[in-house]
N, C-alpha and C. Protein backbone atom coordinates (compact mmCIF):
# COMPACT_ATOMS: atom_id res chain seq x y z
N MET A 1 68.43 -62.56 -0.54
CA MET A 1 67.37 -62.27 -1.63
C MET A 1 67.83 -63.46 -2.95
N ILE A 2 67.40 -64.32 -3.52
CA ILE A 2 67.44 -64.80 -4.68
C ILE A 2 67.32 -64.37 -5.83
N GLU A 3 68.21 -64.61 -6.81
CA GLU A 3 67.08 -64.14 -7.94
C GLU A 3 67.43 -65.62 -9.01
N PHE A 4 66.56 -66.19 -9.91
CA PHE A 4 66.24 -66.91 -11.32
C PHE A 4 66.74 -65.48 -11.62
N SER A 5 67.50 -67.11 -12.41
CA SER A 5 67.84 -67.36 -14.05
C SER A 5 66.80 -66.35 -15.01
N ASP A 6 65.01 -66.43 -14.78
CA ASP A 6 64.61 -66.03 -15.56
C ASP A 6 64.41 -63.58 -15.55
N GLY A 7 65.28 -64.26 -14.07
CA GLY A 7 65.59 -62.41 -13.65
C GLY A 7 64.38 -62.38 -12.68
N GLU A 8 63.58 -62.91 -12.25
CA GLU A 8 62.32 -62.71 -10.55
C GLU A 8 63.71 -62.84 -9.49
N THR A 9 63.58 -62.47 -8.71
CA THR A 9 64.07 -62.10 -7.29
C THR A 9 63.00 -62.06 -6.68
N VAL A 10 63.00 -62.59 -5.20
CA VAL A 10 62.62 -63.35 -3.77
C VAL A 10 63.59 -62.68 -2.82
N ASP A 11 62.90 -61.78 -1.99
CA ASP A 11 63.60 -61.30 -0.57
C ASP A 11 63.09 -62.31 -0.19
N THR A 12 64.43 -62.82 0.82
CA THR A 12 64.26 -63.15 2.27
C THR A 12 63.76 -63.25 3.78
N ASP A 13 64.47 -62.14 2.95
CA ASP A 13 64.79 -61.38 4.88
C ASP A 13 63.32 -60.84 5.06
N GLY A 14 63.51 -60.47 6.26
CA GLY A 14 62.05 -59.88 6.69
C GLY A 14 61.14 -61.15 7.84
N LYS A 15 59.82 -60.95 8.52
CA LYS A 15 59.07 -61.02 9.29
C LYS A 15 58.47 -62.91 8.03
N LEU A 16 58.34 -64.04 8.56
CA LEU A 16 57.78 -65.12 7.55
C LEU A 16 56.56 -65.08 7.24
N ARG A 17 56.58 -65.37 5.75
CA ARG A 17 55.08 -64.65 5.46
C ARG A 17 55.33 -66.22 3.53
N VAL A 18 54.06 -65.44 3.43
CA VAL A 18 53.47 -66.15 1.99
C VAL A 18 53.30 -65.14 1.35
N GLU A 19 53.78 -66.00 -0.08
CA GLU A 19 53.87 -64.67 -1.38
C GLU A 19 53.60 -66.08 -2.28
N LYS A 20 53.11 -65.39 -3.32
CA LYS A 20 52.49 -65.34 -4.72
C LYS A 20 53.53 -65.54 -5.63
N GLY A 21 54.09 -66.74 -5.97
CA GLY A 21 54.66 -66.32 -7.29
C GLY A 21 54.06 -66.58 -9.10
N PRO A 22 54.97 -66.57 -10.10
CA PRO A 22 54.38 -67.18 -11.35
C PRO A 22 54.38 -68.77 -11.15
N GLU A 23 55.37 -69.49 -9.88
CA GLU A 23 55.24 -71.22 -10.07
C GLU A 23 54.72 -71.36 -8.92
N GLY A 24 53.45 -70.94 -8.68
CA GLY A 24 52.87 -71.36 -6.96
C GLY A 24 53.46 -70.43 -6.03
N TYR A 25 53.38 -70.20 -4.68
CA TYR A 25 53.43 -69.58 -3.79
C TYR A 25 54.90 -70.65 -2.75
N TYR A 26 54.90 -69.05 -1.95
CA TYR A 26 56.36 -69.15 -1.41
C TYR A 26 56.31 -69.13 0.47
N VAL A 27 56.92 -69.86 1.45
CA VAL A 27 57.17 -69.49 2.08
C VAL A 27 58.49 -68.89 2.67
N VAL A 28 58.93 -67.29 2.41
CA VAL A 28 59.98 -66.98 2.46
C VAL A 28 59.92 -66.02 3.93
N GLY A 29 61.13 -65.60 4.04
CA GLY A 29 61.74 -64.62 5.41
C GLY A 29 62.67 -64.77 6.12
N ASP A 30 63.14 -64.61 6.83
CA ASP A 30 64.05 -65.46 8.25
C ASP A 30 64.76 -66.69 7.39
N GLY A 31 65.62 -66.11 6.36
CA GLY A 31 66.23 -67.12 6.00
C GLY A 31 65.36 -67.84 4.69
N ILE A 32 64.66 -68.39 4.92
CA ILE A 32 63.11 -69.27 3.99
C ILE A 32 63.06 -69.27 3.22
N PHE A 33 63.26 -70.24 2.09
CA PHE A 33 62.73 -70.37 1.14
C PHE A 33 61.86 -71.33 0.90
N MET A 34 60.83 -71.70 0.80
CA MET A 34 60.31 -73.26 0.40
C MET A 34 59.26 -72.98 -0.34
N SER A 35 59.18 -73.34 -1.39
CA SER A 35 58.11 -73.60 -2.85
C SER A 35 56.98 -74.06 -2.51
N PHE A 36 56.24 -73.88 -2.46
CA PHE A 36 54.41 -75.62 -2.94
C PHE A 36 53.46 -74.95 -4.04
N ASP A 37 53.13 -75.83 -4.51
CA ASP A 37 52.33 -75.52 -5.20
C ASP A 37 50.34 -74.72 -4.85
N ARG A 38 49.66 -75.28 -3.79
CA ARG A 38 49.19 -75.18 -3.12
C ARG A 38 49.09 -74.10 -2.03
N GLU A 39 47.98 -72.53 -2.08
CA GLU A 39 49.11 -71.46 -1.18
C GLU A 39 48.29 -72.51 0.35
N ILE A 40 46.71 -73.47 0.56
CA ILE A 40 46.81 -73.52 1.70
C ILE A 40 48.53 -74.08 2.51
N ASP A 41 49.15 -75.49 1.09
CA ASP A 41 50.08 -75.94 1.85
C ASP A 41 50.97 -75.00 2.34
N ALA A 42 51.26 -73.63 1.59
CA ALA A 42 51.99 -72.54 1.87
C ALA A 42 52.09 -72.39 3.45
N GLN A 43 50.26 -72.10 3.78
CA GLN A 43 49.69 -71.88 5.14
C GLN A 43 50.14 -71.98 6.42
N ALA A 44 49.91 -74.22 5.94
CA ALA A 44 50.11 -74.83 6.90
C ALA A 44 52.07 -75.17 7.39
N TYR A 45 52.52 -74.84 6.16
CA TYR A 45 53.32 -75.17 6.24
C TYR A 45 54.33 -73.78 7.83
N LEU A 46 54.13 -72.47 7.34
CA LEU A 46 53.86 -71.56 8.76
C LEU A 46 53.98 -71.50 9.24
N TYR A 47 52.69 -71.80 9.50
CA TYR A 47 52.16 -72.66 10.82
C TYR A 47 52.65 -73.92 11.64
N ASP A 48 53.16 -74.27 10.45
CA ASP A 48 54.19 -75.40 11.63
C ASP A 48 54.85 -74.52 12.40
N ILE A 49 55.58 -73.39 11.69
CA ILE A 49 56.85 -73.42 11.57
C ILE A 49 57.07 -72.37 12.98
N GLU A 50 55.93 -71.30 13.08
CA GLU A 50 55.62 -70.03 13.87
C GLU A 50 54.76 -71.15 15.42
N SER A 51 54.20 -72.18 14.47
CA SER A 51 53.71 -72.95 16.40
C SER A 51 54.94 -74.01 16.76
N LYS A 52 55.97 -74.14 16.44
CA LYS A 52 56.82 -74.97 16.62
C LYS A 52 56.48 -76.25 15.99
N ASN A 53 55.32 -76.87 15.62
CA ASN A 53 55.82 -78.56 15.39
C ASN A 53 56.55 -78.60 14.94
N ILE A 54 57.32 -77.43 14.11
CA ILE A 54 58.41 -79.22 12.29
C ILE A 54 59.51 -77.70 13.33
N PHE A 55 61.14 -77.78 13.26
CA PHE A 55 62.02 -77.30 14.40
C PHE A 55 62.93 -76.93 12.11
N CYS A 56 62.77 -75.87 12.16
CA CYS A 56 63.75 -75.71 10.28
C CYS A 56 65.21 -76.03 10.84
N TYR A 57 66.07 -76.81 10.82
CA TYR A 57 67.26 -76.98 10.48
C TYR A 57 68.37 -76.13 9.85
N TRP A 58 67.39 -75.95 8.71
CA TRP A 58 68.48 -75.79 7.83
C TRP A 58 68.80 -73.43 8.30
N LYS A 59 68.36 -73.42 9.09
CA LYS A 59 68.51 -72.18 9.81
C LYS A 59 69.66 -72.49 10.57
N MET A 60 70.63 -73.35 11.25
CA MET A 60 71.60 -73.57 12.06
C MET A 60 72.21 -73.06 10.53
N PHE A 61 72.48 -73.59 9.43
CA PHE A 61 73.53 -72.91 8.82
C PHE A 61 73.48 -71.58 8.27
N ARG A 62 73.31 -70.13 8.94
CA ARG A 62 72.93 -69.34 8.64
C ARG A 62 73.98 -67.86 8.86
N SER A 63 73.86 -68.28 10.12
CA SER A 63 75.30 -67.66 10.73
C SER A 63 75.72 -67.95 12.38
N PRO A 64 77.18 -67.62 12.64
CA PRO A 64 76.73 -68.92 13.58
C PRO A 64 76.47 -67.65 14.78
N VAL A 65 74.98 -66.88 15.23
CA VAL A 65 74.49 -66.64 16.46
C VAL A 65 72.98 -67.32 15.48
N THR A 66 73.08 -67.87 14.82
CA THR A 66 71.47 -68.21 14.82
C THR A 66 71.83 -69.48 15.40
N ARG A 67 73.62 -70.53 14.26
CA ARG A 67 73.97 -71.37 15.04
C ARG A 67 73.67 -72.11 16.79
N LYS A 68 73.24 -70.83 17.81
CA LYS A 68 74.11 -71.38 19.33
C LYS A 68 72.67 -70.78 19.09
N LYS A 69 71.56 -69.73 18.99
CA LYS A 69 70.34 -69.94 19.26
C LYS A 69 69.84 -71.10 19.05
N VAL A 70 69.96 -71.69 17.29
CA VAL A 70 69.29 -73.64 17.59
C VAL A 70 70.03 -74.86 18.93
N ARG A 71 71.43 -74.26 18.75
CA ARG A 71 72.03 -75.39 19.91
C ARG A 71 71.94 -75.18 21.40
N ASP A 72 71.05 -73.66 21.30
CA ASP A 72 70.30 -73.31 23.07
C ASP A 72 68.66 -74.07 22.95
N ALA A 73 68.17 -74.02 22.12
CA ALA A 73 67.15 -74.60 21.72
C ALA A 73 67.21 -75.73 22.24
N GLU A 74 67.59 -76.46 21.48
CA GLU A 74 67.73 -77.91 21.08
C GLU A 74 68.10 -78.36 22.50
N GLU A 75 69.24 -77.66 23.16
CA GLU A 75 69.75 -78.65 24.63
C GLU A 75 68.07 -78.37 25.80
N ARG A 76 67.63 -76.82 25.61
CA ARG A 76 66.44 -76.99 26.22
C ARG A 76 65.05 -78.07 26.22
N GLU A 77 65.13 -77.93 25.08
CA GLU A 77 63.90 -79.54 24.62
C GLU A 77 64.76 -80.82 25.90
N GLN A 78 65.86 -80.95 25.25
CA GLN A 78 66.64 -82.15 25.60
C GLN A 78 66.48 -81.98 27.04
N ARG A 79 66.77 -80.90 28.15
CA ARG A 79 66.65 -80.72 29.64
C ARG A 79 65.23 -81.70 29.74
N GLU A 80 64.26 -80.06 29.19
CA GLU A 80 62.83 -80.49 29.49
C GLU A 80 62.47 -82.01 29.16
N LYS A 81 62.86 -82.96 28.22
CA LYS A 81 62.29 -84.31 28.56
C LYS A 81 63.12 -85.22 29.48
N LEU A 82 64.54 -84.82 30.00
CA LEU A 82 64.68 -86.00 30.52
C LEU A 82 63.96 -85.30 32.79
N ILE A 83 63.31 -84.53 32.95
CA ILE A 83 63.00 -83.54 33.66
C ILE A 83 61.41 -84.39 33.77
N SER A 84 61.10 -84.09 32.49
CA SER A 84 59.35 -84.71 32.29
C SER A 84 59.79 -86.00 32.66
């Protein structure tokens, strides 16, 4: 949960999603909070995360379990590159 100085809160738990806020749009969920001016940009970013077009490195800092998953995924990707 993120709380801003004006008292507004954003719940970063749960499934990744786009939410409209007073100052734009946010991609939130799975511990992520990213701000965008336009909904289309937020939707595109969400799509990139879900389709693995981009890799969210900040997830490495969330928990030991998540850090291990990230390391395992990186190692798998490196092995696949070596094989092909």
